[in-house]
């Protein structure tokens, strides 16, 4: 299984770049995932607004939020979210947020 080196930690990811152990996620790992898996140079406050919403929702409900909820609660339209996360809110944003791959995500 592929791994990412983050400081002194070796973090396992699956073939699609999602964390094998989501409990290992932290902000430093999010930065590494953004750069290495999503080609995002640096996470901005707008990225963090989406990431924090997705993580909070997931931790409360044990499921990733639907795209409509992400748009409504982040205040960003879908076009803006795709600018922030070019591979999309389900794949890119959830991956950077340390969530497992959402059901129905291709």
Protein backbone atom coordinates (compact mmCIF):
# COMPACT_ATOMS: atom_id res chain seq x y z
CA UNK A 1 0.00 0.00 0.00
CA UNK A 2 1.35 3.48 -0.81
CA UNK A 3 2.52 5.72 2.03
CA UNK A 4 3.10 9.42 2.59
CA UNK A 5 5.96 10.63 4.75
CA UNK A 6 4.84 13.44 7.07
CA UNK A 7 7.67 14.47 9.38
CA UNK A 8 8.51 11.25 11.21
CA UNK A 9 5.25 9.49 10.36
CA UNK A 10 4.53 7.10 7.51
CA UNK A 11 0.86 7.49 6.60
CA UNK A 12 -0.85 4.75 4.59
CA UNK A 13 -3.09 5.80 1.72
CA UNK A 14 -5.04 3.68 -0.71
CA UNK A 15 -4.50 3.60 -4.47
CA UNK A 16 -6.76 6.66 -4.87
CA UNK A 17 -4.97 8.72 -2.21
CA UNK A 18 -7.57 8.41 0.59
CA UNK A 19 -6.30 7.74 4.11
CA UNK A 20 -6.40 4.11 5.19
CA UNK A 21 -6.68 5.25 8.83
CA UNK A 22 -8.71 8.49 8.92
CA UNK A 23 -7.94 8.96 12.63
CA UNK A 24 -4.35 9.84 11.63
CA UNK A 25 -5.56 13.07 9.96
CA UNK A 26 -4.34 16.44 11.16
CA UNK A 27 -3.86 19.85 9.54
CA UNK A 28 -0.27 19.12 8.58
CA UNK A 29 -1.36 15.93 6.83
CA UNK A 30 -4.12 17.89 5.05
CA UNK A 31 -1.47 20.19 3.57
CA UNK A 32 0.54 17.18 2.36
CA UNK A 33 -2.55 15.50 0.90
CA UNK A 34 -3.55 18.72 -0.87
CA UNK A 35 -0.13 19.07 -2.48
CA UNK A 36 0.65 15.44 -3.27
CA UNK A 37 -2.79 14.09 -4.15
CA UNK A 38 -4.74 17.10 -5.43
CA UNK A 39 -2.06 19.43 -6.86
CA UNK A 40 -3.19 22.25 -4.56
CA UNK A 41 -0.14 24.39 -3.82
CA UNK A 42 -1.35 25.76 -0.48
CA UNK A 43 -4.58 25.58 1.48
CA UNK A 44 -6.26 28.97 1.89
CA UNK A 45 -8.87 30.08 4.42
CA UNK A 46 -11.51 29.20 1.80
CA UNK A 47 -10.14 25.66 1.53
CA UNK A 48 -10.19 25.37 5.31
CA UNK A 49 -13.78 26.59 5.49
CA UNK A 50 -14.86 23.68 3.28
CA UNK A 51 -12.54 21.15 4.95
CA UNK A 52 -13.65 22.09 8.47
CA UNK A 53 -17.34 21.88 7.53
CA UNK A 54 -16.89 18.47 5.87
CA UNK A 55 -14.90 17.10 8.84
CA UNK A 56 -17.37 18.40 11.42
CA UNK A 57 -20.31 16.93 9.50
CA UNK A 58 -18.54 13.59 9.09
CA UNK A 59 -17.55 13.37 12.75
CA UNK A 60 -21.15 14.10 13.81
CA UNK A 61 -22.96 11.87 11.31
CA UNK A 62 -20.31 9.35 10.17
CA UNK A 63 -21.03 10.18 6.52
CA UNK A 64 -19.78 12.85 4.14
CA UNK A 65 -22.24 15.68 3.49
CA UNK A 66 -24.05 15.93 0.18
CA UNK A 67 -22.64 18.50 -2.22
CA UNK A 68 -25.70 20.74 -1.77
CA UNK A 69 -25.03 20.91 1.97
CA UNK A 70 -21.36 21.73 1.38
CA UNK A 71 -22.36 24.62 -0.91
CA UNK A 72 -25.07 25.91 1.42
CA UNK A 73 -23.02 25.73 4.61
CA UNK A 74 -19.72 26.93 3.19
CA UNK A 75 -21.33 29.83 1.34
CA UNK A 76 -19.57 28.81 -1.89
CA UNK A 77 -21.31 27.83 -5.09
CA UNK A 78 -20.35 24.60 -6.82
CA UNK A 79 -18.18 26.39 -9.37
CA UNK A 80 -16.11 27.94 -6.56
CA UNK A 81 -15.75 24.61 -4.77
CA UNK A 82 -14.44 23.07 -8.00
CA UNK A 83 -11.92 25.92 -8.24
CA UNK A 84 -10.77 25.16 -4.71
CA UNK A 85 -10.79 21.38 -5.21
CA UNK A 86 -10.45 20.62 -8.94
CA UNK A 87 -11.31 16.94 -8.51
CA UNK A 88 -14.53 17.97 -6.76
CA UNK A 89 -16.06 18.20 -3.32
CA UNK A 90 -16.62 14.46 -2.93
CA UNK A 91 -13.25 13.26 -4.13
CA UNK A 92 -10.83 16.14 -3.57
CA UNK A 93 -12.25 17.90 -0.55
CA UNK A 94 -13.07 14.69 1.31
CA UNK A 95 -9.61 13.30 0.57
CA UNK A 96 -7.86 16.40 1.92
CA UNK A 97 -10.22 16.42 4.92
CA UNK A 98 -9.11 12.88 5.77
CA UNK A 99 -12.47 11.21 5.18
CA UNK A 100 -12.91 7.80 3.58
CA UNK A 101 -14.01 7.82 -0.04
CA UNK A 102 -17.72 8.75 -0.04
CA UNK A 103 -20.26 6.22 -1.31
CA UNK A 104 -21.15 6.93 -4.92
CA UNK A 105 -17.91 8.80 -5.57
CA UNK A 106 -16.33 7.70 -8.84
